[in-house]
C-alpha atoms as a PDB file:
ATOM      1  CA  MET A   1     132.604  -9.729 -47.733  1.00  0.00           C
ATOM      2  CA  ARG A   2     130.438 -12.355 -46.000  1.00  0.00           C
ATOM      3  CA  GLY A   3     131.236 -15.996 -45.311  1.00  0.00           C
ATOM      4  CA  GLU A   4     134.706 -17.431 -45.859  1.00  0.00           C
ATOM      5  CA  ALA A   5     137.425 -14.829 -46.082  1.00  0.00           C
ATOM      6  CA  GLU A   6     139.266 -14.777 -49.357  1.00  0.00           C
ATOM      7  CA  HIS A   7     143.037 -14.611 -49.108  1.00  0.00           C
ATOM      8  CA  ARG A   8     145.248 -13.318 -51.879  1.00  0.00           C
ATOM      9  CA  VAL A   9     148.958 -12.770 -52.156  1.00  0.00           C
ATOM     10  CA  LEU A  10     149.985  -9.486 -53.737  1.00  0.00           C
ATOM     11  CA  LYS A  11     153.468  -8.660 -54.949  1.00  0.00           C
ATOM     12  CA  VAL A  12     154.746  -5.304 -53.660  1.00  0.00           C
ATOM     13  CA  ASP A  13     158.001  -3.460 -53.970  1.00  0.00           C
ATOM     14  CA  SER A  14     158.239  -2.819 -50.220  1.00  0.00           C
ATOM     15  CA  VAL A  15     156.403  -2.637 -46.932  1.00  0.00           C
ATOM     16  CA  VAL A  16     158.108  -0.475 -44.367  1.00  0.00           C
ATOM     17  CA  ALA A  17     157.154  -0.838 -40.694  1.00  0.00           C
ATOM     18  CA  ALA A  18     158.900   1.968 -38.918  1.00  0.00           C
ATOM     19  CA  LEU A  19     158.114   1.444 -35.242  1.00  0.00           C
ATOM     20  CA  GLY A  20     159.625   3.744 -32.660  1.00  0.00           C
ATOM     21  CA  PHE A  21     159.341   6.983 -30.768  1.00  0.00           C
ATOM     22  CA  VAL A  22     161.139   9.437 -33.060  1.00  0.00           C
ATOM     23  CA  SER A  23     160.379   9.723 -36.758  1.00  0.00           C
ATOM     24  CA  ASN A  24     163.511   9.006 -38.756  1.00  0.00           C
ATOM     25  CA  LEU A  25     162.678   8.801 -42.443  1.00  0.00           C
ATOM     26  CA  GLY A  26     166.003   7.292 -43.409  1.00  0.00           C
ATOM     27  CA  PRO A  27     165.866   6.166 -47.060  1.00  0.00           C
ATOM     28  CA  LEU A  28     162.170   7.214 -47.302  1.00  0.00           C
ATOM     29  CA  ALA A  29     163.325  10.796 -47.482  1.00  0.00           C
ATOM     30  CA  GLU A  30     164.721   9.986 -50.932  1.00  0.00           C
ATOM     31  CA  TRP A  31     161.495   8.522 -52.382  1.00  0.00           C
ATOM     32  CA  GLY A  32     160.169  11.889 -53.627  1.00  0.00           C
ATOM     33  CA  LEU A  33     157.429  12.121 -51.008  1.00  0.00           C
ATOM     34  CA  GLU A  34     156.207  15.551 -49.928  1.00  0.00           C
ATOM     35  CA  LEU A  35     157.591  16.097 -46.475  1.00  0.00           C
ATOM     36  CA  ASN A  36     156.837  18.490 -43.644  1.00  0.00           C
ATOM     37  CA  ARG A  37     160.021  18.478 -41.563  1.00  0.00           C
ATOM     38  CA  ARG A  38     160.404  14.826 -40.482  1.00  0.00           C
ATOM     39  CA  SER A  39     156.848  13.815 -41.458  1.00  0.00           C
ATOM     40  CA  ILE A  40     155.281  12.467 -44.641  1.00  0.00           C
ATOM     41  CA  VAL A  41     152.367  14.580 -45.920  1.00  0.00           C
ATOM     42  CA  VAL A  42     149.213  12.518 -46.577  1.00  0.00           C
ATOM     43  CA  ASP A  43     145.609  13.231 -47.527  1.00  0.00           C
ATOM     44  CA  THR A  44     142.444  11.943 -45.801  1.00  0.00           C
ATOM     45  CA  ARG A  45     142.884   8.552 -47.488  1.00  0.00           C
ATOM     46  CA  MET A  46     146.447   8.366 -46.111  1.00  0.00           C
ATOM     47  CA  ARG A  47     147.815   8.688 -49.672  1.00  0.00           C
ATOM     48  CA  THR A  48     151.184  10.309 -50.094  1.00  0.00           C
ATOM     49  CA  THR A  49     152.145  12.436 -53.075  1.00  0.00           C
ATOM     50  CA  VAL A  50     153.675   9.348 -54.735  1.00  0.00           C
ATOM     51  CA  ASP A  51     151.209   7.197 -56.654  1.00  0.00           C
ATOM     52  CA  ARG A  52     150.155   4.053 -54.731  1.00  0.00           C
ATOM     53  CA  VAL A  53     152.249   4.893 -51.691  1.00  0.00           C
ATOM     54  CA  PHE A  54     150.289   5.160 -48.445  1.00  0.00           C
ATOM     55  CA  ALA A  55     151.545   6.060 -44.964  1.00  0.00           C
ATOM     56  CA  ALA A  56     150.072   6.002 -41.462  1.00  0.00           C
ATOM     57  CA  GLY A  57     151.016   6.708 -37.888  1.00  0.00           C
ATOM     58  CA  ASP A  58     153.479   9.053 -36.248  1.00  0.00           C
ATOM     59  CA  VAL A  59     155.437   9.488 -39.466  1.00  0.00           C
ATOM     60  CA  THR A  60     152.478  11.250 -41.179  1.00  0.00           C
ATOM     61  CA  ASP A  61     151.294  14.829 -41.207  1.00  0.00           C
ATOM     62  CA  TYR A  62     148.052  16.452 -42.267  1.00  0.00           C
ATOM     63  CA  PRO A  63     145.991  19.445 -41.116  1.00  0.00           C
ATOM     64  CA  GLY A  64     144.511  18.807 -37.660  1.00  0.00           C
ATOM     65  CA  LYS A  65     146.700  15.744 -36.943  1.00  0.00           C
ATOM     66  CA  VAL A  66     146.465  14.596 -33.309  1.00  0.00           C
ATOM     67  CA  ARG A  67     149.619  12.695 -32.377  1.00  0.00           C
ATOM     68  CA  LEU A  68     148.273   9.852 -30.266  1.00  0.00           C
ATOM     69  CA  MET A  69     149.025   6.163 -30.619  1.00  0.00           C
ATOM     70  CA  SER A  70     145.322   5.348 -30.953  1.00  0.00           C
ATOM     71  CA  VAL A  71     145.040   7.791 -33.906  1.00  0.00           C
ATOM     72  CA  GLY A  72     147.901   5.946 -35.639  1.00  0.00           C
ATOM     73  CA  PHE A  73     146.057   2.623 -35.328  1.00  0.00           C
ATOM     74  CA  GLY A  74     142.994   4.156 -36.984  1.00  0.00           C
ATOM     75  CA  GLU A  75     145.162   5.654 -39.714  1.00  0.00           C
ATOM     76  CA  VAL A  76     146.560   2.173 -40.503  1.00  0.00           C
ATOM     77  CA  ALA A  77     143.025   0.835 -41.075  1.00  0.00           C
ATOM     78  CA  THR A  78     142.254   3.832 -43.279  1.00  0.00           C
ATOM     79  CA  ALA A  79     145.459   3.383 -45.292  1.00  0.00           C
ATOM     80  CA  VAL A  80     145.053  -0.375 -45.757  1.00  0.00           C
ATOM     81  CA  ASN A  81     141.402  -0.155 -46.818  1.00  0.00           C
ATOM     82  CA  ASN A  82     142.071   2.690 -49.276  1.00  0.00           C
ATOM     83  CA  ALA A  83     145.117   0.866 -50.678  1.00  0.00           C
ATOM     84  CA  ALA A  84     143.051  -2.301 -51.146  1.00  0.00           C
ATOM     85  CA  VAL A  85     140.342  -0.425 -53.081  1.00  0.00           C
ATOM     86  CA  GLU A  86     142.970   1.242 -55.231  1.00  0.00           C
ATOM     87  CA  LEU A  87     144.490  -2.132 -56.064  1.00  0.00           C
ATOM     88  CA  ASP A  88     141.077  -3.797 -56.609  1.00  0.00           C
ATOM     89  CA  PRO A  89     138.253  -1.284 -57.285  1.00  0.00           C
ATOM     90  CA  GLU A  90     135.646  -4.034 -56.855  1.00  0.00           C
ATOM     91  CA  LEU A  91     136.356  -4.149 -53.123  1.00  0.00           C
ATOM     92  CA  THR A  92     134.348  -1.939 -50.787  1.00  0.00           C
ATOM     93  CA  LEU A  93     136.130   0.730 -48.818  1.00  0.00           C
ATOM     94  CA  PHE A  94     134.406  -0.254 -45.582  1.00  0.00           C
ATOM     95  CA  PRO A  95     134.682  -4.024 -45.173  1.00  0.00           C
ATOM     96  CA  GLY A  96     132.174  -4.145 -42.323  1.00  0.00           C
ATOM     97  CA  HIS A  97     132.342  -4.723 -38.591  1.00  0.00           C
ATOM     98  CA  SER A  98     134.109  -7.798 -37.222  1.00  0.00           C
ATOM     99  CA  THR A  99     130.980  -8.546 -35.199  1.00  0.00           C
ATOM    100  CA  GLU A 100     128.981  -8.918 -38.457  1.00  0.00           C
ATOM    101  CA  ARG A 101     131.009 -11.954 -39.518  1.00  0.00           C
ATOM    102  CA  SER A 102     129.801 -15.436 -38.652  1.00  0.00           C
END
């Protein structure tokens, strides 16, 4: 999107920010998500096995996962952009580079 950024407020059931060093799923373990030990299984879009539930960071697992903090930050951007497109299919998956904005 070019020019002025559009801001919208979306109602959601929950947003869980689980920040820490050891994955502890707590109540998330009861959500019906596919788990691999203490991790939530996601696909390349960071989608879980529960419709419209995305996950990113140390709590996730997928083939070839590299457990580095920097990888988690990239996963968050992937999850947020894919969730946005799922909620509003008219959005583009790649919103552009921050340096492209005026």
